[in-house]
Amino acid sequence: MLQLCDAGIDKIGADSMLFRESIFITGFPGFIASRLVERLASTETQFFLLVQPQFVEQAMDEIEAIAEATDTPLESYVIVEGDITQPRLGIEHDDYETIIYETTDIYHLAAVYDLAVAKDIAFSVNLEGTKNVNDFARSVKELKRYNYISTCYVAGKREGTILESELEHDAGFRNYYEETKYLAEVEVEKLKSELPVTIHRPSVVVGDSTTGETAKYDGIYYLIKYLMKAPSVLRLLNVGNDKVRLNLVPVDFVVDGIAALARDSKAAGKTIAIADPSPLTTAELFDVIAEDLTGRKSEFHPPIKLANWFLNTPISPPITGLPHSGVPYFFISQLYDTAIATELLSKHGIACPRFPDYVEHLLDFVEENPTL
């Protein structure tokens, strides 16, 4: 275990600071985890950041930036070398014992977020890794909350309205990402009878609603980059449809929502959809982007079956930039109910921004950062 401090990097054990809470986070220095740490940072909060060895240097740079931005001491951030796929998370014995006594809150974000992920990797990281974090949660002596970051897509191939209170189904899945996140959530759900657990289900996460910042271009960004190739021409033919809604949430809403719910006693024992309660159809999304780029909407709408067929042909990815693994998500007839989320988040003054209100910031960021 390593701790950043003004004097350099030392072994943990310094008892120079007292903290009101000690937060254990997996998935650092990932984009959402890093923003969540910055959102939760305070002079009374200590962080145990589980980091794979190859990302330690990146994590150190990220911590220094967060400490400066939040005016918090570097001693508050402890880098814990480990791996969720290993027993006891790959943490050294003495450090593990220290952490389970000091930790008060857990945020489990580490996962493989890749629609084309191989089966063995998905099961190892998303499922077995979560089982290992569950074992860790059971070992923590004074646990206030275990926050598990799932996804709305645990619904797999289900259709229609998906309630936050619903999980188990036999509809099947489109890929190993969905399947393993579903199986992992099933495991976390079992813990609700013995631990204070909150399951957060974000939908498709996009960039910051104010700055447009994101870490990668996938999902709706395939459509954005496609239209940017030749906006005036490509906006004519709307490849979306009026039957399917694509649920998008900006990363700042996701982070603010998780941070608020994690400290809300009424969220304990709940599963909460961090989603847009009024998502646009894919045709509407197309027109919103096209109008921002060109000032005009689309003119023609090909049949849904024709658009679906073309996007699955070998020539589609080079032309549209949309890989075949992403095609199904533009044709999923699912609506994620957010009744619990809306009730809880409204008390904190948190609501999902409307896509038309922040799309220009996403586009500006892509234009300024064509590659990530």
Protein backbone atom coordinates (compact mmCIF):
# COMPACT_ATOMS: atom_id res chain seq x y z
CA MET A 1 0.00 0.00 0.00
CA LEU A 2 1.31 3.42 -0.84
CA GLN A 3 0.38 6.82 0.48
CA LEU A 4 1.04 10.14 -1.18
CA CYS A 5 2.32 12.79 1.16
CA ASP A 6 4.28 16.03 0.98
CA ALA A 7 7.50 14.21 1.77
CA GLY A 8 7.03 11.74 -1.04
CA ILE A 9 5.62 8.21 -1.10
CA ASP A 10 5.64 6.32 2.17
CA LYS A 11 4.13 3.17 3.58
CA ILE A 12 0.75 3.64 5.23
CA GLY A 13 0.65 3.78 8.96
CA ALA A 14 1.09 7.45 9.73
CA ASP A 15 -1.47 8.40 12.35
CA SER A 16 -1.08 12.12 11.85
CA MET A 17 -4.58 12.80 10.61
CA LEU A 18 -8.06 11.97 11.84
CA PHE A 19 -10.81 11.34 9.31
CA ARG A 20 -14.58 11.36 9.64
CA GLU A 21 -14.87 8.73 6.90
CA SER A 22 -12.58 6.40 4.97
CA ILE A 23 -13.71 5.54 1.46
CA PHE A 24 -12.51 2.47 -0.45
CA ILE A 25 -12.87 2.84 -4.24
CA THR A 26 -12.18 0.43 -7.09
CA GLY A 27 -11.75 1.51 -10.69
CA PHE A 28 -9.36 4.40 -10.03
CA PRO A 29 -7.98 6.26 -11.97
CA GLY A 30 -10.84 5.63 -14.41
CA PHE A 31 -12.83 8.60 -15.69
CA ILE A 32 -15.93 8.20 -13.50
CA ALA A 33 -13.99 7.02 -10.44
CA SER A 34 -11.64 10.00 -10.66
CA ARG A 35 -14.50 12.46 -10.92
CA LEU A 36 -16.27 10.75 -8.03
CA VAL A 37 -13.19 11.05 -5.82
CA GLU A 38 -12.99 14.76 -6.63
CA ARG A 39 -16.70 15.14 -5.85
CA LEU A 40 -16.38 13.36 -2.48
CA ALA A 41 -13.07 14.93 -1.44
CA SER A 42 -12.90 16.88 1.80
CA THR A 43 -10.37 17.50 4.55
CA GLU A 44 -12.25 14.98 6.73
CA THR A 45 -12.27 12.19 4.14
CA GLN A 46 -9.60 9.55 3.55
CA PHE A 47 -9.47 7.52 0.36
CA PHE A 48 -8.16 4.01 -0.19
CA LEU A 49 -7.81 3.83 -3.97
CA LEU A 50 -7.40 0.32 -5.35
CA VAL A 51 -5.08 0.63 -8.34
CA GLN A 52 -3.55 -2.00 -10.59
CA PRO A 53 0.27 -1.77 -10.58
CA GLN A 54 0.48 -0.60 -14.19
CA PHE A 55 -1.71 2.42 -13.41
CA VAL A 56 0.03 3.64 -10.25
CA GLU A 57 1.92 6.47 -11.97
CA GLN A 58 -1.26 7.67 -13.69
CA ALA A 59 -3.11 7.45 -10.37
CA MET A 60 -0.45 9.58 -8.67
CA ASP A 61 -0.82 12.30 -11.29
CA GLU A 62 -4.60 12.18 -10.95
CA ILE A 63 -4.43 12.45 -7.16
CA GLU A 64 -2.16 15.47 -7.33
CA ALA A 65 -4.63 17.18 -9.67
CA ILE A 66 -7.59 16.32 -7.44
CA ALA A 67 -5.82 17.48 -4.28
CA GLU A 68 -5.00 20.80 -5.89
CA ALA A 69 -8.51 21.28 -7.30
CA THR A 70 -10.19 20.50 -3.98
CA ASP A 71 -7.60 22.06 -1.68
CA THR A 72 -7.19 18.81 0.23
CA PRO A 73 -3.93 17.33 1.57
CA LEU A 74 -2.16 14.60 -0.38
CA GLU A 75 -2.06 12.56 2.83
CA SER A 76 -5.80 11.99 2.40
CA TYR A 77 -5.23 9.75 -0.64
CA VAL A 78 -3.80 6.27 -0.28
CA ILE A 79 -2.90 4.23 -3.34
CA VAL A 80 -3.53 0.56 -2.69
CA GLU A 81 -1.86 -1.72 -5.22
CA GLY A 82 -4.12 -4.63 -6.02
CA ASP A 83 -6.50 -6.31 -8.44
CA ILE A 84 -10.17 -7.20 -7.92
CA THR A 85 -9.70 -10.50 -9.76
CA GLN A 86 -7.36 -11.73 -7.00
CA PRO A 87 -8.33 -13.19 -3.58
CA ARG A 88 -8.44 -10.43 -0.96
CA LEU A 89 -8.17 -8.08 -3.94
CA GLY A 90 -4.46 -8.79 -4.27
CA ILE A 91 -3.72 -6.56 -1.26
CA GLU A 92 -0.83 -7.36 1.09
CA HIS A 93 -2.00 -9.02 4.31
CA ASP A 94 -1.07 -6.29 6.81
CA ASP A 95 -2.49 -3.56 4.57
CA TYR A 96 -5.69 -5.53 4.06
CA GLU A 97 -6.19 -5.84 7.82
CA THR A 98 -5.66 -2.11 8.27
CA ILE A 99 -8.10 -1.23 5.52
CA ILE A 100 -10.97 -3.42 6.73
CA TYR A 101 -10.77 -1.73 10.14
CA GLU A 102 -10.60 1.84 8.78
CA THR A 103 -13.00 1.69 5.80
CA THR A 104 -16.47 3.14 6.31
CA ASP A 105 -17.76 3.29 2.73
CA ILE A 106 -17.15 1.28 -0.45
CA TYR A 107 -17.64 2.35 -4.06
CA HIS A 108 -17.14 -0.50 -6.51
CA LEU A 109 -16.71 0.86 -10.05
CA ALA A 110 -14.04 -1.42 -11.52
CA ALA A 111 -15.33 -3.38 -14.50
CA VAL A 112 -14.70 -4.05 -18.18
CA TYR A 113 -16.99 -1.63 -20.01
CA ASP A 114 -16.56 -3.12 -23.49
CA LEU A 115 -19.48 -4.44 -25.53
CA ALA A 116 -17.12 -6.75 -27.45
CA VAL A 117 -15.27 -8.07 -24.38
CA ALA A 118 -14.17 -11.70 -24.48
CA LYS A 119 -16.04 -14.16 -22.26
CA ASP A 120 -13.14 -15.11 -19.99
CA ILE A 121 -12.16 -11.50 -19.30
CA ALA A 122 -15.75 -10.43 -18.65
CA PHE A 123 -16.39 -13.24 -16.19
CA SER A 124 -13.05 -12.75 -14.46
CA VAL A 125 -13.35 -9.00 -13.94
CA ASN A 126 -17.06 -8.24 -13.83
CA LEU A 127 -18.33 -11.31 -12.01
CA GLU A 128 -15.46 -12.90 -10.05
CA GLY A 129 -14.02 -9.47 -9.32
CA THR A 130 -17.33 -8.34 -7.84
CA LYS A 131 -17.54 -11.52 -5.75
CA ASN A 132 -14.12 -10.64 -4.33
CA VAL A 133 -15.24 -7.10 -3.54
CA ASN A 134 -18.35 -8.57 -1.87
CA ASP A 135 -16.08 -10.69 0.33
CA PHE A 136 -14.12 -7.56 1.19
CA ALA A 137 -17.36 -5.73 2.06
CA ARG A 138 -18.33 -8.55 4.42
CA SER A 139 -14.95 -8.18 6.15
CA VAL A 140 -15.17 -4.43 6.75
CA LYS A 141 -15.75 -3.88 10.46
CA GLU A 142 -17.74 -0.61 10.46
CA LEU A 143 -19.36 -0.44 7.04
CA LYS A 144 -21.80 2.43 6.53
CA ARG A 145 -22.57 1.80 2.85
CA TYR A 146 -21.53 -0.45 -0.02
CA ASN A 147 -22.18 1.33 -3.33
CA TYR A 148 -22.12 -0.93 -6.35
CA ILE A 149 -22.08 0.66 -9.80
CA SER A 150 -24.09 -1.54 -12.14
CA THR A 151 -25.80 -0.61 -15.44
CA CYS A 152 -29.32 -0.31 -16.81
CA TYR A 153 -28.29 -2.95 -19.35
CA VAL A 154 -28.57 -5.75 -16.82
CA ALA A 155 -32.03 -5.85 -18.44
CA GLY A 156 -30.40 -7.65 -21.40
CA LYS A 157 -32.90 -8.42 -24.15
CA ARG A 158 -35.95 -7.55 -22.08
CA GLU A 159 -38.39 -5.17 -23.76
CA GLY A 160 -40.76 -2.54 -22.46
CA THR A 161 -40.54 -0.73 -19.14
CA ILE A 162 -37.79 -1.88 -16.76
CA LEU A 163 -38.47 -1.12 -13.10
CA GLU A 164 -35.67 -0.35 -10.66
CA SER A 165 -37.05 -3.08 -8.42
CA GLU A 166 -36.72 -5.70 -11.19
CA LEU A 167 -33.59 -7.73 -11.87
CA GLU A 168 -33.80 -11.47 -12.52
CA HIS A 169 -35.01 -12.54 -15.97
CA ASP A 170 -34.41 -15.15 -18.67
CA ALA A 171 -34.63 -12.91 -21.74
CA GLY A 172 -30.95 -13.38 -22.59
CA PHE A 173 -28.15 -10.93 -23.36
CA ARG A 174 -26.50 -9.32 -26.36
CA ASN A 175 -22.94 -9.72 -25.13
CA TYR A 176 -20.79 -10.86 -22.21
CA TYR A 177 -20.67 -7.33 -20.81
CA GLU A 178 -24.42 -7.35 -20.18
CA GLU A 179 -24.43 -10.94 -18.95
CA THR A 180 -21.60 -10.56 -16.44
CA LYS A 181 -22.85 -7.23 -15.10
CA TYR A 182 -26.24 -8.90 -14.59
CA LEU A 183 -24.73 -11.89 -12.79
CA ALA A 184 -22.60 -9.54 -10.68
CA GLU A 185 -25.63 -7.47 -9.68
CA VAL A 186 -27.42 -10.68 -8.68
CA GLU A 187 -24.53 -11.38 -6.29
CA VAL A 188 -24.63 -7.86 -4.83
CA GLU A 189 -28.41 -8.03 -4.48
CA LYS A 190 -27.98 -11.02 -2.16
CA LEU A 191 -25.94 -8.85 0.20
CA LYS A 192 -28.84 -6.49 0.90
CA SER A 193 -30.07 -8.84 3.61
CA GLU A 194 -26.85 -8.47 5.59
CA LEU A 195 -25.16 -5.20 4.56
CA PRO A 196 -26.22 -1.59 3.81
CA VAL A 197 -26.08 -1.79 0.01
CA THR A 198 -27.07 0.69 -2.70
CA ILE A 199 -26.99 -0.42 -6.33
CA HIS A 200 -26.61 2.38 -8.88
CA ARG A 201 -27.60 1.66 -12.50
CA PRO A 202 -26.39 4.35 -14.92
CA SER A 203 -27.64 4.23 -18.50
CA VAL A 204 -25.31 5.31 -21.36
CA VAL A 205 -22.83 7.79 -19.89
CA VAL A 206 -21.73 10.70 -22.09
CA GLY A 207 -19.51 13.72 -21.47
CA ASP A 208 -19.87 16.50 -18.95
CA SER A 209 -22.98 18.62 -19.57
CA THR A 210 -20.99 21.83 -19.03
CA THR A 211 -17.53 21.14 -20.45
CA GLY A 212 -18.32 18.21 -22.75
CA GLU A 213 -15.29 16.34 -21.37
CA THR A 214 -15.30 12.58 -21.83
CA ALA A 215 -12.74 9.78 -21.75
CA LYS A 216 -13.73 7.84 -24.86
CA TYR A 217 -15.89 8.02 -27.95
CA ASP A 218 -18.52 5.31 -28.11
CA GLY A 219 -22.32 5.10 -27.93
CA ILE A 220 -23.83 8.35 -29.19
CA TYR A 221 -20.36 9.54 -30.20
CA TYR A 222 -20.42 7.13 -33.13
CA LEU A 223 -23.37 9.11 -34.47
CA ILE A 224 -21.75 12.44 -33.65
CA LYS A 225 -18.52 11.60 -35.45
CA TYR A 226 -20.46 10.13 -38.38
CA LEU A 227 -22.43 13.35 -38.89
CA MET A 228 -19.30 15.47 -38.45
CA LYS A 229 -17.75 13.85 -41.54
CA ALA A 230 -20.08 15.77 -43.86
CA PRO A 231 -22.87 17.40 -41.84
CA SER A 232 -24.78 19.08 -44.65
CA VAL A 233 -25.04 15.86 -46.67
CA LEU A 234 -25.26 13.19 -43.99
CA ARG A 235 -27.95 15.01 -42.01
CA LEU A 236 -30.41 14.46 -44.88
CA LEU A 237 -30.97 10.76 -44.14
CA ASN A 238 -31.99 10.10 -40.54
CA VAL A 239 -30.71 6.64 -39.58
CA GLY A 240 -32.55 6.75 -36.25
CA ASN A 241 -36.16 5.77 -35.66
CA ASP A 242 -39.20 6.88 -33.67
CA LYS A 243 -39.73 3.54 -31.91
CA VAL A 244 -36.55 3.32 -29.83
CA ARG A 245 -35.31 5.67 -27.12
CA LEU A 246 -31.60 5.80 -26.29
CA ASN A 247 -31.12 6.76 -22.66
CA LEU A 248 -28.18 9.14 -22.22
CA VAL A 249 -26.85 10.68 -19.01
CA PRO A 250 -23.98 13.19 -18.68
CA VAL A 251 -21.15 12.09 -16.40
CA ASP A 252 -21.63 15.02 -13.99
CA PHE A 253 -25.23 13.95 -13.35
CA VAL A 254 -24.06 10.38 -12.74
CA VAL A 255 -21.35 11.44 -10.29
CA ASP A 256 -23.58 13.93 -8.46
CA GLY A 257 -26.33 11.32 -8.24
CA ILE A 258 -24.08 8.58 -6.86
CA ALA A 259 -22.46 10.97 -4.36
CA ALA A 260 -25.83 12.16 -3.05
CA LEU A 261 -27.45 8.73 -2.87
CA ALA A 262 -24.43 7.17 -1.19
CA ARG A 263 -24.98 9.49 1.77
CA ASP A 264 -28.76 9.33 1.81
CA SER A 265 -30.07 6.88 4.40
CA LYS A 266 -33.23 6.35 2.34
CA ALA A 267 -31.14 4.96 -0.54
CA ALA A 268 -29.80 2.09 1.57
CA GLY A 269 -31.20 -1.21 0.33
CA LYS A 270 -32.37 0.38 -2.92
CA THR A 271 -31.51 -0.19 -6.58
CA ILE A 272 -31.60 3.12 -8.43
CA ALA A 273 -31.60 3.88 -12.16
CA ILE A 274 -29.30 6.83 -12.84
CA ALA A 275 -31.07 7.51 -16.11
CA ASP A 276 -32.94 10.18 -18.06
CA PRO A 277 -36.65 9.97 -17.12
CA SER A 278 -37.58 11.37 -20.56
CA PRO A 279 -35.06 10.03 -23.10
CA LEU A 280 -35.22 11.02 -26.75
CA THR A 281 -35.82 8.59 -29.59
CA THR A 282 -32.83 7.80 -31.78
CA ALA A 283 -34.48 9.83 -34.57
CA GLU A 284 -34.81 12.81 -32.24
CA LEU A 285 -31.19 12.44 -31.14
CA PHE A 286 -30.10 12.43 -34.77
CA ASP A 287 -32.04 15.63 -35.46
CA VAL A 288 -30.78 17.41 -32.34
CA ILE A 289 -27.17 16.71 -33.36
CA ALA A 290 -27.78 17.54 -37.02
CA GLU A 291 -29.51 20.81 -36.15
CA ASP A 292 -26.69 21.89 -33.86
CA LEU A 293 -24.15 21.15 -36.62
CA THR A 294 -26.03 22.57 -39.59
CA GLY A 295 -29.03 24.50 -38.33
CA ARG A 296 -31.34 22.02 -40.08
CA LYS A 297 -32.91 18.66 -39.27
CA SER A 298 -33.08 15.52 -41.42
CA GLU A 299 -35.26 15.17 -44.52
CA PHE A 300 -35.73 11.42 -44.98
CA HIS A 301 -36.24 8.37 -42.74
CA PRO A 302 -35.34 4.94 -44.12
CA PRO A 303 -37.35 1.93 -42.82
CA ILE A 304 -36.11 0.64 -39.47
CA LYS A 305 -35.37 -2.83 -40.85
CA LEU A 306 -33.33 -1.36 -43.70
CA ALA A 307 -31.24 0.81 -41.35
CA ASN A 308 -30.67 -2.15 -39.01
CA TRP A 309 -29.67 -4.38 -41.93
CA PHE A 310 -27.20 -1.86 -43.35
CA LEU A 311 -25.55 -1.16 -39.98
CA ASN A 312 -24.84 -4.89 -39.64
CA THR A 313 -23.22 -5.23 -43.08
CA PRO A 314 -19.41 -5.48 -43.41
CA ILE A 315 -19.22 -2.10 -45.17
CA SER A 316 -21.05 -0.20 -42.43
CA PRO A 317 -18.30 0.21 -39.77
CA PRO A 318 -15.81 1.90 -42.16
CA ILE A 319 -18.54 4.27 -43.34
CA THR A 320 -20.46 5.01 -40.15
CA GLY A 321 -17.78 4.32 -37.53
CA LEU A 322 -20.33 2.22 -35.62
CA PRO A 323 -18.98 -1.26 -34.77
CA HIS A 324 -21.41 -4.16 -35.03
CA SER A 325 -21.28 -4.61 -31.25
CA GLY A 326 -22.87 -1.19 -30.81
CA VAL A 327 -25.69 -1.57 -33.35
CA PRO A 328 -28.23 -3.31 -31.04
CA TYR A 329 -28.21 -0.35 -28.66
CA PHE A 330 -29.82 1.84 -31.30
CA PHE A 331 -32.67 -0.65 -31.65
CA ILE A 332 -33.46 -1.66 -28.03
CA SER A 333 -37.13 -1.17 -27.10
CA GLN A 334 -36.49 -0.54 -23.41
CA LEU A 335 -37.62 2.28 -21.13
CA TYR A 336 -35.92 2.55 -17.75
CA ASP A 337 -38.30 3.63 -15.02
CA THR A 338 -36.72 6.18 -12.66
CA ALA A 339 -39.44 6.57 -10.03
CA ILE A 340 -37.13 5.79 -7.10
CA ALA A 341 -34.28 7.89 -8.50
CA THR A 342 -36.52 10.88 -9.18
CA GLU A 343 -38.01 10.80 -5.69
CA LEU A 344 -34.65 10.55 -3.94
CA LEU A 345 -32.60 12.87 -6.17
CA SER A 346 -35.21 15.63 -6.25
CA LYS A 347 -34.68 16.15 -2.52
CA HIS A 348 -31.03 16.90 -3.29
CA GLY A 349 -31.88 19.27 -6.13
CA ILE A 350 -30.43 16.87 -8.71
CA ALA A 351 -32.10 16.23 -12.06
CA CYS A 352 -30.88 14.86 -15.38
CA PRO A 353 -30.23 17.64 -17.93
CA ARG A 354 -32.05 17.42 -21.25
CA PHE A 355 -29.82 16.32 -24.14
CA PRO A 356 -30.70 19.34 -26.35
CA ASP A 357 -29.51 21.62 -23.56
CA TYR A 358 -25.96 20.27 -23.48
CA VAL A 359 -25.35 18.67 -26.88
CA GLU A 360 -23.37 21.69 -28.09
CA HIS A 361 -20.83 21.13 -25.32
CA LEU A 362 -20.37 17.50 -26.38
CA LEU A 363 -19.87 18.56 -30.00
CA ASP A 364 -17.43 21.33 -29.07
CA PHE A 365 -15.32 18.86 -27.10
CA VAL A 366 -15.22 16.39 -30.01
CA GLU A 367 -14.23 19.15 -32.42
CA GLU A 368 -11.43 20.28 -30.10
CA ASN A 369 -10.35 16.72 -29.34
CA PRO A 370 -10.87 14.63 -32.51
CA THR A 371 -8.96 11.72 -31.00
CA LEU A 372 -8.65 10.56 -27.40
